Protein backbone atom coordinates (compact mmCIF):
# COMPACT_ATOMS: atom_id res chain seq x y z
CA MET A 1 0.23 -0.02 0.02
CA ALA A 2 2.69 2.40 -0.81
CA ILE A 3 2.71 5.59 -1.49
CA SER A 4 4.97 8.26 -3.44
CA SER A 5 7.88 9.45 -1.32
CA SER A 6 7.15 12.70 -2.33
CA VAL A 7 3.55 13.01 -1.33
CA ARG A 8 4.75 10.97 1.90
CA ARG A 9 7.13 13.85 3.18
CA GLY A 10 4.64 16.59 2.27
CA GLY A 11 1.91 15.06 4.54
CA LEU A 12 5.03 14.23 6.84
CA ALA A 13 5.47 18.01 7.15
CA LEU A 14 1.99 18.60 7.37
CA LEU A 15 1.77 16.71 10.11
CA VAL A 16 4.56 18.07 12.02
CA SER A 17 2.86 21.62 11.54
CA VAL A 18 -0.15 20.67 12.90
CA LEU A 19 1.34 19.16 15.90
CA VAL A 20 3.03 22.29 16.60
CA LEU A 21 -0.15 24.62 16.43
CA ALA A 22 -2.39 22.32 18.00
CA CYS A 23 -0.33 20.83 21.03
CA ARG A 24 -0.68 23.80 23.36
CA ALA A 25 -3.28 26.34 21.88
CA PRO A 26 -6.34 25.23 23.54
CA GLY A 27 -4.12 24.30 26.72
CA ALA A 28 -7.34 24.36 29.34
CA ALA A 29 -8.49 21.01 30.60
CA GLY A 30 -11.84 22.33 31.11
CA ASP A 31 -14.21 25.44 29.73
CA ASP A 32 -15.51 26.54 33.07
CA SER A 33 -14.01 29.61 34.88
CA GLU A 34 -15.15 31.60 37.58
CA PHE A 35 -15.45 35.06 37.45
CA GLU A 36 -15.04 36.02 41.57
CA ASP A 37 -12.52 37.93 42.70
CA SER A 38 -11.50 39.50 45.51
CA THR A 39 -9.46 42.97 44.87
CA SER A 40 -12.87 45.02 43.56
CA PRO A 41 -14.18 47.24 46.28
CA LYS A 42 -16.98 45.89 47.99
CA PHE A 43 -19.25 48.08 50.78
CA PRO A 44 -22.87 47.59 50.98
CA GLY A 45 -25.17 47.94 48.11
CA CYS A 46 -22.36 47.23 45.90
CA ASP A 47 -21.06 43.28 47.24
CA ASN A 48 -22.92 40.62 45.23
CA PRO A 49 -21.33 37.85 44.06
CA PHE A 50 -20.15 37.82 40.03
CA GLN A 51 -23.15 35.61 38.87
CA LYS A 52 -22.85 33.53 35.15
CA VAL A 53 -25.78 34.29 33.22
CA LYS A 54 -27.16 32.82 30.79
CA VAL A 55 -29.11 34.87 28.33
CA MET A 56 -31.60 33.56 25.99
CA TYR A 57 -33.41 35.36 22.76
CA TRP A 58 -35.73 35.25 20.57
CA VAL A 59 -35.52 36.69 17.29
CA ASP A 60 -39.74 37.29 15.78
CA GLY A 61 -40.93 34.58 17.90
CA ASP A 62 -37.67 32.44 16.97
CA GLU A 63 -35.34 31.08 19.92
CA MET A 64 -31.74 31.89 18.89
CA ASN A 65 -28.49 30.32 20.59
CA SER A 66 -28.29 30.98 23.94
CA LEU A 67 -25.01 33.66 24.89
CA THR A 68 -23.10 34.22 28.37
CA GLY A 69 -23.10 37.19 30.42
CA ILE A 70 -21.79 38.39 34.14
CA THR A 71 -23.68 40.01 36.75
CA ALA A 72 -22.81 43.10 38.32
CA ARG A 73 -21.57 43.75 42.00
CA PHE A 74 -24.98 45.53 42.11
CA GLY A 75 -28.28 45.23 41.35
CA LYS A 76 -30.72 42.65 41.88
CA MET A 77 -29.73 39.05 41.74
CA LEU A 78 -31.02 36.85 39.15
CA PRO A 79 -33.23 34.22 39.57
CA VAL A 80 -31.66 30.23 39.09
CA THR A 81 -34.06 28.73 37.11
CA ALA A 82 -36.02 29.54 33.69
CA SER A 83 -39.01 29.26 35.30
CA ASP A 84 -38.49 31.57 37.78
CA SER A 85 -37.48 34.65 35.15
CA GLN A 86 -39.36 36.64 32.91
CA LYS A 87 -39.49 36.63 29.13
CA GLN A 88 -39.17 40.48 28.56
CA LYS A 89 -39.08 42.78 25.31
CA ALA A 90 -35.48 44.19 24.59
CA VAL A 91 -35.60 48.44 23.86
CA VAL A 92 -32.68 50.31 23.09
CA PRO A 93 -32.39 53.49 24.70
CA SER A 94 -31.34 56.96 22.98
CA PRO A 95 -28.79 57.57 22.74
CA GLU A 96 -27.46 53.91 22.68
CA SER A 97 -24.72 54.15 25.51
CA SER A 98 -28.15 55.44 28.13
CA CYS A 99 -25.57 58.22 29.37
CA ALA A 100 -27.05 61.49 30.06
CA LYS A 101 -25.50 64.95 29.87
CA SER A 102 -27.64 67.02 31.33
CA SER A 103 -30.39 66.63 33.93
CA ALA A 104 -32.86 67.68 30.71
CA GLN A 105 -31.75 64.72 28.75
CA ALA A 106 -31.75 63.14 31.95
CA ALA A 107 -35.37 63.43 32.25
CA ILE A 108 -36.14 62.66 28.87
CA LEU A 109 -34.20 59.36 28.98
CA ALA A 110 -35.84 58.35 32.26
CA SER A 111 -39.01 59.10 31.19
CA PHE A 112 -38.72 58.09 27.30
CA LEU A 113 -36.09 54.99 27.04
CA MET A 114 -37.30 53.85 24.18
CA THR A 115 -36.34 51.90 20.71
CA SER A 116 -37.81 52.80 17.50
CA ILE A 117 -38.57 49.68 15.51
CA SER A 118 -40.89 48.90 12.46
CA SER A 119 -43.96 48.92 14.52
CA GLY A 120 -43.36 52.10 15.93
CA ILE A 121 -42.71 53.73 19.60
CA MET A 122 -42.14 51.38 22.36
CA HIS A 123 -41.51 52.47 26.10
CA ALA A 124 -38.77 50.56 28.54
CA SER A 125 -41.58 49.58 31.04
CA ASN A 126 -40.73 46.10 31.97
CA SER A 127 -38.69 45.96 29.14
CA VAL A 128 -34.79 44.69 28.93
CA ALA A 129 -32.75 48.02 28.11
CA VAL A 130 -30.06 46.73 25.68
CA ALA A 131 -26.91 49.67 26.02
CA LYS A 132 -23.35 49.71 24.79
CA ARG A 133 -20.49 50.50 27.22
CA GLY A 134 -19.26 53.86 27.63
CA GLY A 135 -20.03 57.48 27.75
CA CYS A 136 -20.58 57.22 31.55
CA PRO A 137 -20.08 55.09 34.46
CA PHE A 138 -21.92 51.89 35.07
CA LEU A 139 -23.92 53.19 38.08
CA ASP A 140 -25.03 56.44 36.03
CA LYS A 141 -26.30 53.52 32.98
CA ALA A 142 -28.27 51.33 35.47
CA LYS A 143 -29.99 54.65 37.44
CA THR A 144 -30.98 55.80 33.99
CA ALA A 145 -32.71 52.44 32.97
CA GLU A 146 -34.26 51.76 36.46
CA SER A 147 -35.65 55.29 36.46
CA GLY A 148 -37.04 55.07 32.94
CA GLY A 149 -39.11 51.90 33.92
CA ALA A 150 -36.69 48.96 32.40
CA ALA A 151 -36.68 46.12 34.28
CA ALA A 152 -33.06 45.16 33.53
CA LEU A 153 -29.98 46.45 32.03
CA LEU A 154 -28.18 44.87 29.58
CA LEU A 155 -24.48 46.10 28.83
CA ILE A 156 -22.69 45.48 25.83
CA ASN A 157 -18.82 45.71 26.30
CA TYR A 158 -16.42 46.97 23.75
CA ASP A 159 -14.37 43.75 23.28
CA ASN A 160 -14.90 40.29 23.19
CA ASP A 161 -14.55 39.80 27.00
CA LEU A 162 -16.87 39.75 30.35
CA GLN A 163 -15.58 42.74 31.96
CA LYS A 164 -16.22 42.32 35.76
CA ILE A 165 -19.00 45.51 36.81
CA VAL A 166 -17.83 47.01 39.45
CA CYS A 167 -17.69 50.09 41.96
CA THR A 168 -15.01 52.15 42.86
CA GLN A 169 -13.64 53.48 46.42
CA ASN A 170 -15.69 56.78 45.68
CA ASP A 171 -18.96 55.56 44.85
CA ARG A 172 -22.00 55.86 47.19
CA ALA A 173 -23.29 52.80 48.26
CA PRO A 174 -25.75 52.33 44.73
CA ASP A 175 -29.68 51.58 45.43
CA ILE A 176 -30.23 49.58 42.18
CA ALA A 177 -33.33 47.29 42.01
CA ILE A 178 -32.76 45.76 38.44
CA PRO A 179 -30.06 43.43 37.72
CA VAL A 180 -27.62 44.74 35.34
CA VAL A 181 -25.64 41.97 33.02
CA MET A 182 -22.58 42.50 30.67
CA VAL A 183 -22.44 40.60 27.42
CA SER A 184 -19.45 40.91 25.25
CA GLN A 185 -19.32 42.62 21.94
CA SER A 186 -20.21 40.29 19.69
CA ALA A 187 -22.76 38.25 21.32
CA GLY A 188 -24.47 41.65 21.92
CA LEU A 189 -23.96 42.87 18.67
CA ARG A 190 -26.16 39.91 17.53
CA ILE A 191 -29.12 41.46 19.83
CA LEU A 192 -28.41 44.97 18.36
CA SER A 193 -28.30 43.79 14.79
CA VAL A 194 -31.61 42.29 14.43
CA MET A 195 -33.12 45.17 16.54
CA GLU A 196 -32.00 47.62 13.86
CA ASN A 197 -33.51 45.75 11.11
CA GLY A 198 -36.81 46.12 12.73
CA ALA A 199 -37.23 42.07 14.83
CA LYS A 200 -38.40 42.06 17.89
CA VAL A 201 -36.27 41.00 20.30
CA ASP A 202 -37.44 39.42 23.85
CA ILE A 203 -34.80 38.05 26.36
CA GLN A 204 -34.82 35.77 29.17
CA MET A 205 -31.83 35.99 31.75
CA PHE A 206 -30.91 33.88 34.17
CA SER A 207 -27.90 32.12 36.14
CA PRO A 208 -28.57 28.04 36.65
CA GLU A 209 -26.11 26.44 39.51
CA LYS A 210 -23.18 23.91 37.96
CA PRO A 211 -24.77 20.48 38.72
CA ALA A 212 -22.53 18.74 41.42
CA PHE A 213 -21.51 16.06 39.26
CA ASP A 214 -20.04 16.40 35.66
CA GLY A 215 -21.33 12.86 33.58
CA ALA A 216 -18.92 14.16 30.68
CA ILE A 217 -15.74 14.01 32.61
CA PRO A 218 -15.53 10.35 32.88
CA PHE A 219 -16.18 9.52 29.08
CA LEU A 220 -13.57 12.71 28.56
CA TRP A 221 -11.16 10.52 30.76
CA LEU A 222 -11.63 7.76 28.86
CA MET A 223 -10.85 8.67 25.84
CA ALA A 224 -7.65 10.86 26.48
CA VAL A 225 -6.44 7.25 28.64
CA GLY A 226 -7.43 5.10 25.32
CA THR A 227 -6.07 7.37 22.90
CA VAL A 228 -2.58 7.13 24.49
CA ALA A 229 -3.00 3.48 25.20
CA CYS A 230 -3.74 2.94 21.64
CA ALA A 231 -1.37 4.76 19.89
CA SER A 232 1.46 3.74 22.18
CA VAL A 233 0.75 -0.20 21.06
CA TRP A 234 -0.84 0.66 17.34
CA THR A 235 2.46 -0.48 15.79
CA PHE A 236 3.00 -3.87 17.56
CA ILE A 237 -0.91 -4.52 17.85
CA ILE A 238 -2.68 -3.05 14.36
CA VAL A 239 0.19 -2.70 11.81
CA GLY A 240 1.95 -6.12 13.20
CA ASN A 241 5.22 -4.42 12.88
CA GLU A 242 7.55 -3.89 15.52
CA ASP A 243 9.85 -2.20 13.62
CA LYS A 244 10.26 1.84 14.90
CA ASN A 245 9.90 2.95 10.96
CA SER A 246 6.03 1.57 10.82
CA PRO A 247 4.48 3.34 7.81
CA PRO A 248 3.03 6.87 8.33
CA LEU A 249 -0.27 6.73 6.16
CA GLY A 250 -0.95 2.93 6.12
CA GLY A 251 1.41 2.46 3.22
CA GLU A 252 3.97 -0.72 3.60
CA GLU A 253 7.80 -0.31 5.34
CA ALA A 254 8.55 3.55 5.06
CA PRO A 255 11.59 4.34 5.45
CA GLU A 256 13.87 5.97 7.95
CA SER A 257 14.11 9.34 6.87
CA GLU A 258 9.48 9.10 7.87
CA ILE A 259 10.11 9.50 11.41
CA VAL A 260 10.35 12.33 12.87
CA GLU A 261 13.15 11.35 15.47
CA LEU A 262 13.00 14.77 17.96
CA LYS A 263 16.20 16.11 19.50
CA THR A 264 16.90 17.97 22.26
CA LYS A 265 16.89 21.05 20.78
CA THR A 266 13.91 20.01 18.74
CA ALA A 267 12.24 20.01 21.73
CA LEU A 268 12.68 23.45 23.07
CA VAL A 269 12.10 25.18 19.52
CA PHE A 270 8.59 23.40 19.66
CA ILE A 271 7.72 25.17 23.07
CA VAL A 272 8.61 28.44 21.75
CA THR A 273 6.95 27.93 18.47
CA ALA A 274 4.13 27.22 20.33
CA SER A 275 4.41 30.36 22.54
CA LEU A 276 4.57 32.18 19.30
CA VAL A 277 1.58 30.79 18.27
CA LEU A 278 -0.15 31.52 21.52
CA LEU A 279 0.64 34.71 21.31
CA PHE A 280 -0.51 35.40 18.05
CA LEU A 281 -3.81 33.94 18.53
CA PHE A 282 -4.07 36.08 21.56
CA PHE A 283 -2.90 39.39 19.73
CA PHE A 284 -4.88 38.62 16.55
CA LYS A 285 -7.84 36.56 17.89
CA SER A 286 -10.15 36.88 14.68
CA THR A 287 -12.61 34.98 12.56
CA TRP A 288 -9.77 34.57 9.89
CA SER A 289 -7.14 33.33 12.19
CA ALA A 290 -9.76 30.63 14.02
CA TRP A 291 -10.48 29.19 10.12
CA LEU A 292 -6.78 28.86 9.85
CA LEU A 293 -6.60 26.39 12.48
CA VAL A 294 -10.19 24.82 11.34
CA VAL A 295 -8.43 24.08 8.07
CA LEU A 296 -5.03 22.85 9.40
CA PHE A 297 -7.36 20.33 11.91
CA CYS A 298 -9.03 19.32 8.90
CA LEU A 299 -5.78 18.60 6.89
CA GLY A 300 -4.44 16.92 10.10
CA GLY A 301 -7.70 14.73 10.57
CA LEU A 302 -8.03 13.87 6.70
CA GLN A 303 -4.42 11.77 7.30
CA GLY A 304 -5.26 10.71 10.53
CA LEU A 305 -8.55 9.05 9.47
CA HIS A 306 -6.86 7.43 6.18
CA TYR A 307 -4.45 6.15 8.14
CA VAL A 308 -6.36 4.31 10.87
CA ALA A 309 -8.65 3.34 8.29
CA SER A 310 -6.29 1.68 6.24
CA THR A 311 -4.19 0.19 8.95
CA LEU A 312 -7.00 -1.17 10.08
CA THR A 313 -8.21 -2.35 6.90
CA VAL A 314 -5.18 -4.42 6.31
CA ARG A 315 -4.55 -5.77 9.20
CA PHE A 316 -7.99 -7.28 8.44
CA CYS A 317 -8.26 -8.23 4.91
CA GLU A 318 -4.70 -9.23 3.67
CA ARG A 319 -5.74 -9.03 0.36
CA CYS A 320 -6.25 -5.90 0.80
CA ARG A 321 -2.78 -5.05 0.57
CA GLU A 322 -1.73 -6.69 -2.56
CA ALA A 323 -4.07 -5.05 -4.92
CA LYS A 324 -2.05 -1.67 -6.49
CA VAL A 325 -2.26 0.37 -8.99
CA THR A 326 0.11 2.82 -10.57
CA LEU A 327 -0.95 6.53 -11.30
CA PRO A 328 0.85 8.95 -12.92
CA ALA A 329 3.38 11.18 -10.77
CA LEU A 330 2.08 8.74 -7.95
CA GLY A 331 3.45 5.78 -8.71
CA SER A 332 2.00 2.44 -7.06
CA VAL A 333 -0.83 3.27 -4.86
CA ALA A 334 -3.04 0.51 -2.42
CA VAL A 335 -6.61 0.36 -3.98
CA VAL A 336 -7.68 0.80 -0.36
CA SER A 337 -6.03 3.86 -0.02
CA LEU A 338 -7.76 5.33 -2.84
CA VAL A 339 -11.29 3.78 -1.49
CA ILE A 340 -10.65 5.24 2.07
CA LEU A 341 -9.29 9.24 1.03
CA PRO A 342 -12.43 10.25 -0.56
CA VAL A 343 -14.87 8.55 2.13
CA ALA A 344 -12.36 10.53 4.24
CA LEU A 345 -12.58 13.63 2.64
CA ILE A 346 -16.48 13.78 2.76
CA PHE A 347 -16.40 12.99 6.27
CA VAL A 348 -14.16 15.98 6.87
CA VAL A 349 -15.91 18.23 4.51
CA CYS A 350 -18.99 17.26 6.37
CA TRP A 351 -17.55 18.11 9.66
CA ALA A 352 -16.06 21.43 8.08
CA THR A 353 -19.63 22.68 6.69
CA HIS A 354 -21.59 21.16 10.03
CA GLN A 355 -19.63 22.72 13.16
CA ASP A 356 -22.61 24.16 14.38
CA SER A 357 -24.73 20.60 14.70
CA PRO A 358 -25.08 19.14 18.30
CA PHE A 359 -23.08 16.03 17.07
CA ALA A 360 -20.15 17.81 15.56
CA TRP A 361 -18.38 17.12 18.63
CA VAL A 362 -18.52 13.09 17.41
CA GLY A 363 -16.81 13.77 14.31
CA GLN A 364 -14.36 16.44 15.72
CA ASP A 365 -13.58 13.74 18.14
CA LEU A 366 -12.89 10.94 15.81
CA MET A 367 -10.76 13.11 13.58
CA GLY A 368 -8.42 14.30 16.47
CA ILE A 369 -7.99 10.98 17.96
CA CYS A 370 -6.51 9.66 14.42
CA MET A 371 -4.54 12.51 13.49
CA MET A 372 -2.96 11.58 17.65
CA ILE A 373 -2.80 8.00 16.74
CA LEU A 374 -1.30 9.47 13.69
CA VAL A 375 1.54 12.06 15.24
CA LEU A 376 2.65 9.31 17.54
CA GLN A 377 3.82 6.57 15.39
CA VAL A 378 5.51 9.64 13.38
CA VAL A 379 7.00 11.47 15.74
CA HIS A 380 9.54 9.75 18.34
CA LEU A 381 11.02 10.71 21.65
CA PRO A 382 14.35 8.54 21.86
CA ASN A 383 15.18 8.61 25.66
CA ILE A 384 13.97 10.08 28.71
CA LYS A 385 16.73 13.23 27.93
CA VAL A 386 14.68 14.44 25.16
CA ALA A 387 11.13 13.86 27.18
CA SER A 388 13.16 15.66 29.84
CA ALA A 389 14.14 18.49 28.08
CA LEU A 390 10.63 18.67 26.14
CA LEU A 391 8.13 17.88 29.30
CA ILE A 392 9.29 20.36 31.76
CA SER A 393 9.59 22.75 28.88
CA ALA A 394 6.06 21.79 28.51
CA PHE A 395 5.46 22.22 32.15
CA LEU A 396 6.85 25.76 32.62
CA TYR A 397 5.02 26.65 29.67
CA ASP A 398 1.67 25.58 31.03
CA ILE A 399 2.63 27.44 34.49
CA PHE A 400 3.49 30.87 32.97
CA TRP A 401 0.99 31.07 30.28
CA VAL A 402 -1.75 30.13 32.98
CA PHE A 403 -0.62 31.52 35.87
CA ILE A 404 1.86 34.38 35.00
CA SER A 405 0.75 36.08 31.96
CA PRO A 406 -2.16 37.57 33.87
CA PHE A 407 0.58 39.64 35.45
CA ILE A 408 2.15 41.11 32.16
CA PHE A 409 -1.37 40.30 30.14
CA LYS A 410 -3.66 41.71 32.19
CA LYS A 411 -5.74 38.13 31.75
CA SER A 412 -4.46 34.12 31.34
CA VAL A 413 -3.46 34.21 27.80
CA MET A 414 -3.61 30.47 27.59
CA ILE A 415 -8.06 30.58 29.03
CA THR A 416 -8.21 33.66 26.75
CA VAL A 417 -7.25 32.03 23.92
CA ALA A 418 -8.93 28.39 24.81
CA ARG A 419 -12.37 30.30 25.12
CA GLY A 420 -12.42 30.94 21.21
CA SER A 421 -14.19 33.76 20.02
CA ASP A 422 -17.92 34.75 20.11
CA ASP A 423 -18.11 35.49 16.03
CA GLY A 424 -16.03 32.47 14.48
CA PRO A 425 -15.54 29.02 15.05
CA SER A 426 -14.27 27.35 17.91
CA LEU A 427 -10.98 26.62 18.34
CA PRO A 428 -11.21 22.65 17.12
CA MET A 429 -7.74 21.51 18.83
CA VAL A 430 -9.21 19.86 21.82
CA LEU A 431 -11.05 16.54 22.40
CA LYS A 432 -14.55 17.89 23.97
CA MET A 433 -17.59 16.11 25.44
CA PRO A 434 -20.88 17.26 26.15
CA LYS A 435 -22.48 18.13 29.40
CA GLU A 436 -25.35 16.16 29.65
CA PHE A 437 -26.51 17.03 32.92
CA ASP A 438 -25.79 20.81 32.70
CA THR A 439 -28.04 23.74 32.39
CA TRP A 440 -25.50 25.76 30.36
CA ASN A 441 -25.55 22.25 27.78
CA GLY A 442 -21.47 23.75 27.48
CA TYR A 443 -18.54 20.81 26.96
CA ASP A 444 -15.79 19.43 28.95
CA MET A 445 -12.57 19.58 26.95
CA ILE A 446 -8.95 18.31 27.14
CA GLY A 447 -6.52 20.03 24.57
CA PHE A 448 -4.67 17.73 22.32
CA GLY A 449 -1.14 18.62 23.78
CA ASP A 450 -2.26 17.25 27.29
CA ILE A 451 -2.53 13.69 25.43
CA LEU A 452 0.44 14.35 22.56
CA PHE A 453 3.05 15.43 24.98
CA PRO A 454 2.76 12.83 27.94
CA GLY A 455 1.58 10.34 24.76
CA LEU A 456 5.07 10.50 23.63
CA LEU A 457 6.96 9.23 26.65
CA VAL A 458 3.90 6.55 26.81
CA ALA A 459 4.83 5.24 23.29
CA PHE A 460 8.50 5.69 24.30
CA SER A 461 8.39 3.26 27.08
CA PHE A 462 6.21 0.78 24.97
CA ARG A 463 9.34 0.73 22.41
CA TYR A 464 12.26 0.40 25.48
CA ASP A 465 10.23 -2.48 26.93
CA ARG A 466 9.60 -4.28 23.20
CA SER A 467 13.58 -3.70 22.41
CA HIS A 468 14.73 -4.73 26.10
CA GLY A 469 12.64 -7.69 26.53
CA LYS A 470 10.53 -6.85 29.34
CA GLY A 471 6.69 -6.95 30.19
CA LEU A 472 4.40 -5.73 31.58
CA THR A 473 5.06 -6.31 35.06
CA ASP A 474 8.93 -5.47 34.80
CA GLY A 475 8.80 -2.96 32.12
CA TYR A 476 7.68 0.94 32.00
CA PHE A 477 4.68 1.07 29.77
CA LEU A 478 1.73 0.07 32.66
CA CYS A 479 3.53 2.20 34.87
CA LEU A 480 3.27 4.80 32.94
CA MET A 481 -0.05 4.54 31.90
CA ILE A 482 -1.38 3.97 35.41
CA GLY A 483 0.65 7.52 36.30
CA TYR A 484 -0.62 8.90 33.24
CA ALA A 485 -4.38 8.23 34.27
CA PHE A 486 -3.92 9.07 37.68
CA GLY A 487 -2.39 12.68 36.80
CA LEU A 488 -5.66 13.36 34.60
CA SER A 489 -7.86 12.35 37.24
CA CYS A 490 -6.01 14.73 39.61
CA THR A 491 -6.65 17.31 37.06
CA TYR A 492 -10.29 16.67 37.03
CA VAL A 493 -10.31 17.19 40.94
CA GLY A 494 -8.66 19.71 40.48
CA LEU A 495 -10.77 21.73 38.08
CA TYR A 496 -13.64 20.67 40.20
CA LEU A 497 -11.87 22.47 43.46
CA MET A 498 -10.49 25.51 41.94
CA LYS A 499 -13.53 26.03 39.63
CA SER A 500 -11.71 26.78 37.03
CA GLY A 501 -9.51 25.28 33.50
CA GLN A 502 -6.96 23.54 34.45
CA PRO A 503 -3.11 23.45 32.69
CA ALA A 504 -3.09 19.50 32.40
CA LEU A 505 0.59 19.57 32.17
CA LEU A 506 0.78 20.42 35.70
CA TYR A 507 -0.47 16.93 36.74
CA LEU A 508 0.42 15.10 34.00
CA VAL A 509 4.22 15.58 33.53
CA PRO A 510 5.18 14.65 37.52
CA SER A 511 2.71 11.06 36.87
CA THR A 512 4.87 10.65 34.17
CA LEU A 513 8.15 11.61 33.66
CA GLY A 514 8.87 11.48 37.28
CA VAL A 515 7.39 7.82 37.41
CA ILE A 516 10.02 6.65 34.63
CA ALA A 517 12.56 8.55 36.58
CA ALA A 518 11.94 7.62 39.65
CA LEU A 519 11.11 3.77 38.66
CA GLY A 520 14.70 3.57 36.91
CA ALA A 521 16.60 5.44 39.38
CA LYS A 522 15.45 2.47 41.96
CA ARG A 523 16.05 -0.45 38.61
CA GLY A 524 19.58 1.09 38.35
CA GLU A 525 18.73 1.40 34.59
CA LEU A 526 18.27 5.64 34.63
CA SER A 527 21.56 6.07 32.45
CA GLN A 528 19.98 3.09 30.10
CA LEU A 529 16.97 5.07 29.67
CA TRP A 530 18.98 8.71 29.49
CA ASN A 531 20.75 7.29 26.62
CA ALA A 532 18.81 5.03 24.67
CA LYS A 533 17.92 4.82 20.96
CA VAL A 534 15.12 3.41 20.59
């Protein structure tokens, strides 16, 4: 089932590029984050806890995808369930900022907080006032909306983050009796744009509590652990070839040049490159950059699907290996490869064009798992010296971009990138599982890098055991698999206790690299592991 060498090398270069781009960009193990902090001033009337708000809205009676918002330190608290909240008309004040520059204008706003729509003029009484941020303090906006009869104030931020609405030390104790909620710019503009076109918009806001049990996490844990285990033994069990030069795209024996053997310098370059990609996504978070990653993911997923399906087919149908055709410029190509490639292409195109489907996560996970299996066949760690350089660098990388970057960039760079943008496709470089028991209907996620980086070491341990005649009990593979499973479990425990996305490598590096180093030292084989060539 050989393919021409030039095609294979082109695919290999693409895979390595995808690996660099995908490994750490989304690096957070979960998609929830708490808004609470201890730095903003608190005093009576301005001491509410921040609530994560589900903003549901209807356009001319048709329900749209819900938005996410955050409540202010002041104002009325929102109900927990939808049944306790009301659907109310949305109105836009004039001016849109809901700011009054004079007492006369304040009186006008208070009396006629309204919006012009195709059906005429509508007063804000018992409605949700939708105003843009800026022009005057938050408290002034809230007082104006409340005095005009609005039942709630929905503020639109001037960027795609959720800004905490707080009081200053100089503010007097506010007496605001309506809820005040902020949404991101892209989310708010969805509402404003349809209202400007004359559509009738209704809004309902409430703050659901997170369930105590997240049923998606065990399945996500199984997918991650299963991917590492499967990719580590793939060449031996499925391809049936113990030679380290396993075929990268479902072909027969590949030349040695098709395997990328990482070196210490290469490992460090990976981290530097990943950091630059992360910064690029942070500063240039746009629709086109998100689509660029989607395209790269689709190309990598296509090769992964083709490789996995081809090797499985040949494994269970020996005759399929023999059927070949000769094509111009490609040379001898296996028929099974020609059959599987179009099917894989159709699958990838269907996923790319239906990313908003409730079941798109299935296709994304399948493509991601296949791509990671392929990457772990192509990219090898020769010893734990290189593994130490790669994993320790990645460990420090995680800590810096999650915990230290907020002191430099005012926010966590990695978590900001992981959240993505509201006005473009979500970043696909994650395995995800829907939260079926959560009112938010969100996803639990784990970044590809949290599987690939430790997976490289686990795959090395399997090859080392095979080349040195070790079994499960006296080898390293089983211990590292247990260590990876334990470290991932600790990640989710940390996610539950800290209520925020966790840098998984903070737990996974000690539980894998630490385990093989400690076990090797105990057995007197640390020097062999350090200088191995497998």
